[in-house]
C-alpha atoms as a PDB file:
ATOM      1  CA  MET A   1      10.241 -33.903 -97.728  1.00  0.00           C
ATOM      2  CA  VAL A   2       8.559 -37.540 -97.629  1.00  0.00           C
ATOM      3  CA  HIS A   3       9.214 -40.250 -95.109  1.00  0.00           C
ATOM      4  CA  VAL A   4       8.860 -43.739 -96.440  1.00  0.00           C
ATOM      5  CA  ASP A   5       8.748 -46.894 -94.194  1.00  0.00           C
ATOM      6  CA  THR A   6      11.238 -49.234 -96.181  1.00  0.00           C
ATOM      7  CA  ASP A   7       9.728 -52.354 -94.110  1.00  0.00           C
ATOM      8  CA  GLU A   8       6.429 -51.584 -95.378  1.00  0.00           C
ATOM      9  CA  GLU A   9       7.625 -50.392 -98.959  1.00  0.00           C
ATOM     10  CA  PRO A  10      10.470 -52.809 -99.705  1.00  0.00           C
ATOM     11  CA  GLU A  11       9.734 -52.558-103.577  1.00  0.00           C
ATOM     12  CA  LEU A  12      10.206 -48.702-103.400  1.00  0.00           C
ATOM     13  CA  ALA A  13      13.339 -49.169-101.267  1.00  0.00           C
ATOM     14  CA  SER A  14      14.764 -51.494-103.853  1.00  0.00           C
ATOM     15  CA  ARG A  15      13.832 -49.291-106.672  1.00  0.00           C
ATOM     16  CA  TYR A  16      15.785 -46.420-105.238  1.00  0.00           C
ATOM     17  CA  ARG A  17      18.723 -48.565-104.099  1.00  0.00           C
ATOM     18  CA  VAL A  18      18.379 -47.734-100.221  1.00  0.00           C
ATOM     19  CA  VAL A  19      21.042 -49.544 -98.596  1.00  0.00           C
ATOM     20  CA  GLY A  20      21.233 -47.777 -95.297  1.00  0.00           C
ATOM     21  CA  ILE A  21      18.756 -46.050 -92.902  1.00  0.00           C
ATOM     22  CA  PRO A  22      18.294 -43.000 -92.971  1.00  0.00           C
ATOM     23  CA  THR A  23      18.607 -42.256 -96.777  1.00  0.00           C
ATOM     24  CA  THR A  24      17.915 -38.862 -98.084  1.00  0.00           C
ATOM     25  CA  ILE A  25      17.536 -38.535-101.744  1.00  0.00           C
ATOM     26  CA  ARG A  26      17.127 -35.232-103.465  1.00  0.00           C
ATOM     27  CA  PHE A  27      15.142 -34.911-106.846  1.00  0.00           C
ATOM     28  CA  VAL A  28      14.868 -32.280-109.349  1.00  0.00           C
ATOM     29  CA  SER A  29      12.423 -32.622-112.135  1.00  0.00           C
ATOM     30  CA  GLY A  30      12.021 -36.160-111.291  1.00  0.00           C
ATOM     31  CA  GLU A  31      15.748 -36.888-111.507  1.00  0.00           C
ATOM     32  CA  GLU A  32      18.062 -37.929-108.564  1.00  0.00           C
ATOM     33  CA  THR A  33      20.622 -35.161-107.943  1.00  0.00           C
ATOM     34  CA  GLY A  34      21.962 -36.154-104.670  1.00  0.00           C
ATOM     35  CA  ARG A  35      22.106 -38.837-101.882  1.00  0.00           C
ATOM     36  CA  LEU A  36      23.003 -38.754 -98.341  1.00  0.00           C
ATOM     37  CA  ILE A  37      23.224 -41.996 -96.330  1.00  0.00           C
ATOM     38  CA  GLY A  38      23.359 -41.771 -92.496  1.00  0.00           C
ATOM     39  CA  PHE A  39      22.304 -39.256 -89.762  1.00  0.00           C
ATOM     40  CA  ARG A  40      23.082 -35.658 -90.771  1.00  0.00           C
ATOM     41  CA  SER A  41      22.762 -32.396 -88.813  1.00  0.00           C
ATOM     42  CA  GLU A  42      19.902 -29.966 -89.665  1.00  0.00           C
ATOM     43  CA  GLU A  43      22.672 -27.650 -91.123  1.00  0.00           C
ATOM     44  CA  GLU A  44      23.818 -30.554 -93.607  1.00  0.00           C
ATOM     45  CA  LEU A  45      20.352 -31.401 -94.456  1.00  0.00           C
ATOM     46  CA  THR A  46      19.281 -27.848 -95.039  1.00  0.00           C
ATOM     47  CA  ALA A  47      22.425 -27.271 -97.207  1.00  0.00           C
ATOM     48  CA  PHE A  48      21.660 -30.686 -99.138  1.00  0.00           C
ATOM     49  CA  ALA A  49      18.168 -29.560 -99.839  1.00  0.00           C
ATOM     50  CA  ARG A  50      19.200 -26.226-101.197  1.00  0.00           C
ATOM     51  CA  GLY A  51      21.678 -27.861-103.361  1.00  0.00           C
ATOM     52  CA  ILE A  52      24.818 -26.529-101.553  1.00  0.00           C
ATOM     53  CA  LYS A  53      27.806 -28.741-101.594  1.00  0.00           C
ATOM     54  CA  LYS A  54      29.613 -28.591 -98.227  1.00  0.00           C
ATOM     55  CA  PRO A  55      32.912 -30.235 -97.637  1.00  0.00           C
ATOM     56  CA  ARG A  56      32.670 -33.425 -95.483  1.00  0.00           C
ATOM     57  CA  THR A  57      34.036 -33.169 -92.008  1.00  0.00           C
ATOM     58  CA  VAL A  58      35.216 -36.062 -90.025  1.00  0.00           C
END
């Protein structure tokens, strides 16, 4: 996991189309394979990092 301060790195935020904070982007072999925008639980983040798709709950 890497934390990027988008205020200090606006070019990077633009390059990866970060429109909301927090944004979590998963990369595999340099390619984006998933994206989450907004606060998520530890369980959701763990599943996302492992590549497990879980149904969204409201």
